[in-house]
Protein backbone atom coordinates (compact mmCIF):
# COMPACT_ATOMS: atom_id res chain seq x y z
CA UNK A 1 0.37 -0.11 -0.23
CA UNK A 2 1.40 3.47 -1.05
CA UNK A 3 0.20 6.41 1.24
CA UNK A 4 0.80 9.98 0.45
CA UNK A 5 0.37 13.44 2.32
CA UNK A 6 -0.75 16.78 0.10
CA UNK A 7 -0.81 20.30 1.56
CA UNK A 8 -3.47 22.67 1.70
CA UNK A 9 -2.01 26.49 1.39
CA UNK A 10 -2.38 29.81 2.43
CA UNK A 11 -2.24 32.46 -0.03
CA UNK A 12 -1.11 35.98 1.49
CA UNK A 13 -0.29 38.14 -1.66
CA UNK A 14 -0.97 38.28 -5.28
CA UNK A 15 -3.62 36.17 -5.59
CA UNK A 16 -5.47 37.07 -8.98
CA UNK A 17 -2.42 37.70 -10.63
CA UNK A 18 -1.86 33.56 -11.06
CA UNK A 19 -4.48 33.43 -13.93
CA UNK A 20 -2.92 32.73 -17.12
CA UNK A 21 -5.41 35.00 -18.61
CA UNK A 22 -3.56 37.91 -16.74
CA UNK A 23 0.21 36.42 -15.80
CA UNK A 24 0.59 35.14 -19.91
CA UNK A 25 0.49 38.95 -20.87
CA UNK A 26 1.64 40.83 -17.60
CA UNK A 27 3.36 37.99 -15.54
CA UNK A 28 2.20 37.19 -12.10
CA UNK A 29 3.04 36.20 -8.70
CA UNK A 30 1.98 35.28 -5.54
CA UNK A 31 3.45 35.29 -1.66
CA UNK A 32 2.27 32.02 0.26
CA UNK A 33 2.74 28.76 2.02
CA UNK A 34 2.13 25.35 2.28
CA UNK A 35 0.26 24.44 5.67
CA UNK A 36 0.37 21.65 8.30
CA UNK A 37 -3.48 20.52 7.16
CA UNK A 38 -3.37 17.93 4.54
CA UNK A 39 -5.23 15.38 1.93
CA UNK A 40 -4.21 11.82 2.45
CA UNK A 41 -4.78 9.02 -0.12
CA UNK A 42 -3.79 5.66 0.13
CA UNK A 43 -3.35 3.14 -3.06
CA UNK A 44 -2.89 -0.74 -3.11
CA UNK A 45 -3.66 -3.29 -5.60
CA UNK A 46 -6.47 -6.15 -5.23
CA UNK A 47 -7.36 -8.91 -7.76
CA UNK A 48 -10.20 -7.96 -9.53
CA UNK A 49 -11.34 -11.93 -10.64
CA UNK A 50 -11.72 -12.20 -7.12
CA UNK A 51 -14.32 -9.80 -6.90
CA UNK A 52 -17.25 -8.35 -9.20
CA UNK A 53 -15.53 -4.67 -9.60
CA UNK A 54 -12.05 -4.13 -10.62
CA UNK A 55 -11.87 -0.20 -9.45
CA UNK A 56 -13.05 0.63 -5.74
CA UNK A 57 -12.57 4.29 -4.79
CA UNK A 58 -13.70 5.73 -1.19
CA UNK A 59 -14.24 9.51 -0.74
CA UNK A 60 -17.39 10.93 0.98
CA UNK A 61 -18.76 7.73 -0.64
CA UNK A 62 -17.87 4.40 -2.07
CA UNK A 63 -17.94 3.45 -5.85
CA UNK A 64 -17.05 -0.18 -7.01
CA UNK A 65 -17.20 -0.46 -10.39
CA UNK A 66 -16.03 -2.10 -13.55
CA UNK A 67 -14.58 0.70 -15.75
CA UNK A 68 -13.29 4.32 -15.53
CA UNK A 69 -16.66 5.36 -17.46
CA UNK A 70 -18.68 4.56 -14.34
CA UNK A 71 -16.59 6.48 -11.90
CA UNK A 72 -19.15 9.44 -11.19
CA UNK A 73 -16.36 11.41 -9.48
CA UNK A 74 -14.70 13.00 -12.22
CA UNK A 75 -11.44 14.13 -10.61
CA UNK A 76 -10.60 10.54 -9.84
CA UNK A 77 -12.00 9.40 -13.11
CA UNK A 78 -9.94 11.47 -15.18
CA UNK A 79 -6.72 11.26 -12.90
CA UNK A 80 -6.62 7.73 -13.22
CA UNK A 81 -7.30 8.07 -16.89
CA UNK A 82 -4.65 10.69 -17.03
CA UNK A 83 -1.92 8.39 -15.51
CA UNK A 84 -2.85 5.50 -17.23
CA UNK A 85 -4.45 3.36 -14.50
CA UNK A 86 -7.74 1.59 -15.28
CA UNK A 87 -8.35 -1.81 -13.18
CA UNK A 88 -7.40 -3.49 -10.26
CA UNK A 89 -6.69 -1.08 -7.60
CA UNK A 90 -8.12 0.36 -4.79
CA UNK A 91 -7.73 4.24 -3.85
CA UNK A 92 -9.00 5.93 -0.51
CA UNK A 93 -8.94 9.50 -0.02
CA UNK A 94 -9.46 11.64 3.20
CA UNK A 95 -8.68 15.52 4.32
CA UNK A 96 -7.85 17.34 7.61
CA UNK A 97 -10.27 20.07 6.29
CA UNK A 98 -13.36 20.07 4.30
CA UNK A 99 -13.71 21.33 0.61
CA UNK A 100 -14.73 24.66 -0.95
CA UNK A 101 -13.30 26.86 2.22
CA UNK A 102 -10.12 28.72 0.25
CA UNK A 103 -7.58 26.79 0.97
CA UNK A 104 -6.70 25.07 -2.62
CA UNK A 105 -7.83 21.43 -1.40
CA UNK A 106 -9.29 20.65 -5.16
CA UNK A 107 -5.85 21.25 -6.35
CA UNK A 108 -4.27 19.47 -3.63
CA UNK A 109 -6.57 16.50 -4.36
CA UNK A 110 -5.48 16.44 -8.01
CA UNK A 111 -1.75 16.85 -6.94
CA UNK A 112 -2.23 14.28 -4.48
CA UNK A 113 -4.00 11.84 -6.45
CA UNK A 114 -1.69 12.13 -9.18
CA UNK A 115 1.41 11.55 -6.82
CA UNK A 116 -0.22 8.83 -5.54
CA UNK A 117 -0.70 6.85 -8.72
CA UNK A 118 2.79 7.64 -9.90
CA UNK A 119 4.20 6.05 -6.74
CA UNK A 120 2.26 3.24 -6.97
CA UNK A 121 3.24 2.88 -10.93
CA UNK A 122 7.05 3.12 -9.43
CA UNK A 123 7.28 6.19 -11.63
CA UNK A 124 9.53 9.33 -10.71
CA UNK A 125 7.41 12.92 -11.61
CA UNK A 126 9.66 15.92 -10.29
CA UNK A 127 7.49 18.03 -8.00
CA UNK A 128 6.81 20.97 -10.45
CA UNK A 129 5.95 18.88 -13.03
CA UNK A 130 3.64 17.32 -10.79
CA UNK A 131 2.15 20.93 -10.78
CA UNK A 132 2.12 21.53 -14.15
CA UNK A 133 0.30 17.90 -15.17
CA UNK A 134 -2.17 18.92 -12.44
CA UNK A 135 -2.72 22.57 -14.11
CA UNK A 136 -2.85 20.89 -17.17
CA UNK A 137 -5.82 18.18 -16.06
CA UNK A 138 -7.85 20.83 -13.90
CA UNK A 139 -8.04 23.48 -16.90
CA UNK A 140 -8.08 21.56 -19.86
CA UNK A 141 -9.74 17.95 -18.57
CA UNK A 142 -11.87 18.79 -16.19
CA UNK A 143 -12.53 22.50 -17.80
CA UNK A 144 -12.23 24.45 -14.87
CA UNK A 145 -11.60 27.90 -14.63
CA UNK A 146 -8.76 27.90 -11.95
CA UNK A 147 -5.59 29.77 -11.48
CA UNK A 148 -2.09 28.03 -10.89
CA UNK A 149 -0.83 28.85 -7.46
CA UNK A 150 -2.63 25.93 -5.73
CA UNK A 151 -0.98 23.13 -7.44
CA UNK A 152 2.07 24.37 -6.97
CA UNK A 153 2.34 25.05 -3.29
CA UNK A 154 0.77 21.69 -2.96
CA UNK A 155 3.33 19.81 -5.10
CA UNK A 156 6.23 22.09 -3.79
CA UNK A 157 5.48 22.89 -0.40
CA UNK A 158 7.34 25.48 1.21
CA UNK A 159 6.52 29.51 2.05
CA UNK A 160 7.33 30.95 -1.45
CA UNK A 161 7.33 33.67 -3.47
CA UNK A 162 6.03 32.06 -6.67
CA UNK A 163 6.78 34.10 -10.24
CA UNK A 164 4.34 33.03 -12.92
CA UNK A 165 6.11 33.99 -16.08
CA UNK A 166 4.20 31.85 -18.84
CA UNK A 167 2.50 28.32 -18.59
CA UNK A 168 5.10 25.83 -17.82
CA UNK A 169 7.27 28.72 -16.47
CA UNK A 170 7.17 29.45 -12.88
CA UNK A 171 10.13 29.87 -10.75
CA UNK A 172 9.77 28.93 -6.84
CA UNK A 173 11.55 31.61 -4.56
CA UNK A 174 11.66 30.01 -0.91
CA UNK A 175 11.32 33.03 1.64
CA UNK A 176 15.02 33.15 3.76
CA UNK A 177 13.48 32.66 7.10
CA UNK A 178 15.43 32.28 10.06
CA UNK A 179 13.86 29.52 12.82
CA UNK A 180 12.92 32.67 15.23
CA UNK A 181 11.02 34.91 12.54
CA UNK A 182 9.31 32.26 11.16
CA UNK A 183 7.90 31.28 14.75
CA UNK A 184 7.31 35.13 15.20
CA UNK A 185 5.36 35.21 12.06
CA UNK A 186 3.20 32.23 12.80
CA UNK A 187 2.45 33.82 16.28
CA UNK A 188 0.54 36.56 14.05
CA UNK A 189 -1.31 34.28 12.11
CA UNK A 190 -5.44 33.57 13.28
CA UNK A 191 -7.41 32.09 11.02
CA UNK A 192 -11.21 31.41 11.48
CA UNK A 193 -13.78 29.53 9.41
CA UNK A 194 -16.77 31.95 8.42
CA UNK A 195 -19.57 28.95 8.46
CA UNK A 196 -20.03 29.77 4.17
CA UNK A 197 -19.02 27.20 2.11
CA UNK A 198 -18.90 27.66 -2.02
CA UNK A 199 -17.41 26.54 -5.24
CA UNK A 200 -14.21 28.59 -6.09
CA UNK A 201 -15.23 27.70 -10.13
CA UNK A 202 -18.20 30.23 -10.02
CA UNK A 203 -16.18 33.10 -8.72
CA UNK A 204 -12.90 32.37 -10.57
CA UNK A 205 -15.11 32.42 -13.70
CA UNK A 206 -16.59 36.01 -12.90
CA UNK A 207 -12.80 37.27 -12.09
CA UNK A 208 -11.35 36.01 -15.46
CA UNK A 209 -13.79 37.67 -17.42
CA UNK A 210 -12.95 40.83 -15.06
CA UNK A 211 -9.39 40.84 -16.01
CA UNK A 212 -9.00 43.14 -18.78
CA UNK A 213 -11.36 45.75 -16.50
CA UNK A 214 -9.14 44.75 -13.42
CA UNK A 215 -5.65 45.62 -15.07
CA UNK A 216 -4.64 48.45 -12.81
CA UNK A 217 -5.62 46.69 -9.92
CA UNK A 218 -4.08 43.59 -10.66
CA UNK A 219 -0.63 45.31 -11.36
CA UNK A 220 -1.08 46.55 -7.81
CA UNK A 221 -1.65 43.66 -6.29
CA UNK A 222 1.29 42.24 -7.93
CA UNK A 223 3.98 44.73 -6.47
CA UNK A 224 2.20 43.97 -2.74
CA UNK A 225 3.59 40.84 -3.37
CA UNK A 226 7.61 42.38 -3.65
CA UNK A 227 6.95 44.54 -0.85
CA UNK A 228 5.53 41.60 1.41
CA UNK A 229 8.56 39.83 0.62
CA UNK A 230 10.86 42.68 1.39
CA UNK A 231 9.51 42.90 4.79
CA UNK A 232 9.28 39.00 5.19
CA UNK A 233 13.17 38.78 4.05
CA UNK A 234 14.58 41.98 5.98
CA UNK A 235 15.07 42.52 9.47
CA UNK A 236 12.52 45.24 10.10
CA UNK A 237 9.29 44.45 12.25
CA UNK A 238 6.98 41.31 11.16
CA UNK A 239 4.24 43.51 11.90
CA UNK A 240 4.34 45.72 8.89
CA UNK A 241 3.15 43.07 7.26
CA UNK A 242 -0.34 43.59 8.58
CA UNK A 243 -0.76 46.89 6.67
CA UNK A 244 0.49 45.07 3.16
CA UNK A 245 -2.44 42.62 3.80
CA UNK A 246 -5.06 44.98 4.50
CA UNK A 247 -4.08 46.88 1.51
CA UNK A 248 -3.88 43.71 -0.87
CA UNK A 249 -7.40 42.90 0.52
CA UNK A 250 -9.29 46.57 -0.03
CA UNK A 251 -7.54 45.98 -3.80
CA UNK A 252 -8.86 42.09 -4.24
CA UNK A 253 -12.34 42.67 -2.97
CA UNK A 254 -12.93 45.76 -5.39
CA UNK A 255 -12.05 42.94 -8.22
CA UNK A 256 -15.73 41.73 -8.37
CA UNK A 257 -18.56 42.57 -5.99
CA UNK A 258 -18.70 38.45 -5.38
CA UNK A 259 -15.76 38.19 -3.53
CA UNK A 260 -16.84 39.77 -0.21
CA UNK A 261 -20.56 40.23 1.17
CA UNK A 262 -22.28 41.73 3.97
CA UNK A 263 -21.08 38.65 6.65
CA UNK A 264 -17.38 38.60 5.68
CA UNK A 265 -17.25 42.79 5.85
CA UNK A 266 -18.67 42.45 9.20
CA UNK A 267 -16.61 39.66 10.26
CA UNK A 268 -13.17 41.33 8.95
CA UNK A 269 -14.46 44.62 10.84
CA UNK A 270 -14.83 43.11 13.98
CA UNK A 271 -11.36 41.52 13.79
CA UNK A 272 -9.80 45.07 12.54
CA UNK A 273 -11.48 46.88 15.58
CA UNK A 274 -10.33 44.07 18.05
CA UNK A 275 -6.78 44.67 17.22
CA UNK A 276 -5.64 42.89 13.93
CA UNK A 277 -3.56 44.58 11.49
CA UNK A 278 -4.91 43.37 8.58
CA UNK A 279 -5.87 40.41 6.80
CA UNK A 280 -8.12 38.47 3.87
CA UNK A 281 -10.59 36.36 2.88
CA UNK A 282 -8.58 33.18 1.99
CA UNK A 283 -8.90 31.78 -1.49
CA UNK A 284 -11.37 33.41 -4.43
CA UNK A 285 -13.81 34.82 -1.98
CA UNK A 286 -17.38 34.49 -0.80
CA UNK A 287 -16.70 32.55 2.43
CA UNK A 288 -14.34 29.92 3.67
CA UNK A 289 -11.44 30.93 6.06
CA UNK A 290 -10.56 34.36 6.96
CA UNK A 291 -7.29 35.58 8.00
CA UNK A 292 -6.20 37.64 10.45
CA UNK A 293 -2.61 39.39 11.14
CA UNK A 294 -2.66 39.73 14.62
CA UNK A 295 0.06 40.93 17.27
CA UNK A 296 0.52 38.39 20.06
CA UNK A 297 -0.65 40.95 22.94
CA UNK A 298 -3.83 41.12 20.93
CA UNK A 299 -4.90 37.58 20.17
CA UNK A 300 -7.18 36.90 23.29
CA UNK A 301 -9.30 40.05 22.02
CA UNK A 302 -9.54 39.22 18.76
CA UNK A 303 -10.51 35.65 19.79
CA UNK A 304 -12.96 36.82 22.16
CA UNK A 305 -14.65 39.40 19.62
CA UNK A 306 -14.88 36.41 17.35
CA UNK A 307 -15.85 33.87 19.81
CA UNK A 308 -18.87 32.44 17.77
CA UNK A 309 -16.58 31.43 14.64
CA UNK A 310 -14.52 28.45 14.32
CA UNK A 311 -10.63 29.00 15.03
CA UNK A 312 -7.82 26.39 13.00
CA UNK A 313 -4.23 26.66 14.13
CA UNK A 314 -1.70 26.34 11.25
CA UNK A 315 1.81 25.49 10.98
CA UNK A 316 3.26 27.06 7.60
CA UNK A 317 6.08 26.16 5.39
CA UNK A 318 4.96 22.30 5.16
CA UNK A 319 6.33 20.13 2.57
CA UNK A 320 4.86 19.40 -0.88
CA UNK A 321 3.26 16.26 -1.71
CA UNK A 322 5.24 12.85 -0.84
CA UNK A 323 5.10 9.44 -0.24
CA UNK A 324 4.57 8.75 4.00
CA UNK A 325 4.57 4.98 3.86
CA UNK A 326 5.36 2.70 0.49
CA UNK A 327 4.37 -0.81 1.99
CA UNK A 328 7.50 -3.10 2.37
CA UNK A 329 9.33 -1.87 -0.93
CA UNK A 330 11.65 1.01 -1.26
CA UNK A 331 10.42 4.00 -2.65
CA UNK A 332 12.63 7.48 -3.51
CA UNK A 333 10.24 10.40 -3.34
CA UNK A 334 10.64 12.66 -6.29
CA UNK A 335 12.90 16.10 -6.23
CA UNK A 336 11.68 19.23 -6.69
CA UNK A 337 13.30 20.93 -9.38
CA UNK A 338 13.21 24.82 -10.36
CA UNK A 339 12.99 25.98 -6.61
CA UNK A 340 15.54 28.13 -5.39
CA UNK A 341 16.85 29.67 -1.92
CA UNK A 342 16.40 33.61 -2.01
CA UNK A 343 19.38 35.74 -1.55
């Protein structure tokens, strides 16, 4: 049995510039991190002649079928087809947090499933190539209007500034944190669930359609990525990152009226009044998790003000998709390519 672990992500700055409809013309970048909440897959072989089915997959439901065409779950079906796996296999999926909450879970699913199948087939696929394949599959096979940061964070992991120069030409720059500065940064993070789940695909379609109308805002958001990197990589106060987050959220919510709503606006205002320095809704918008950047001495005040919302703690800088168990056989995980340490 092969077991893999694939991280979810938190995007801080630059979200919206990672759509090919924008960065192919203007260049894009995001600053974010893989986190310690993950999607897990287990995959094993069985002998279909001993059963009345040849494929068994389990997620929120269980499907036992004899052909790929019978599989109802489209990402499962198309990932298996993409990798050439069509019989004598059982695959199980579980996740630490629910889908549709702004943490990139759908892309972590695709990256993790592809990585699991390749490990099962004893194929070595470099991590960044895994991201490129997941993007191709989501956009051109599943026909989803997704950006490209989620797949990249899921595949390569880490706390990064990722540059999108063109499709198939991404540069992953690791943030040069010292352990103490990374700990200080984490102590400023507070994440709450708004209680609203939404389909990112619908929101993404609206944002893609409005790219020509939002070129100035998107360019400003791209510049804030560099500003955030300078703060984190420097020696000044980490607290300055909060104001950068706030400026970015004000730009992001102006891209389309569906990105925020009265519930989100009131929640954000409450967090700011309680002492947060900045924040943002995670993911495409509309609901899901909301992030606040809070001085450690203000955390109790923010938590008390938002006590009706579930808070979830995250650790940043998690590893990318990887094999955690390979049965009795030796398996060598693929190495990440085109990832460089920032000077």
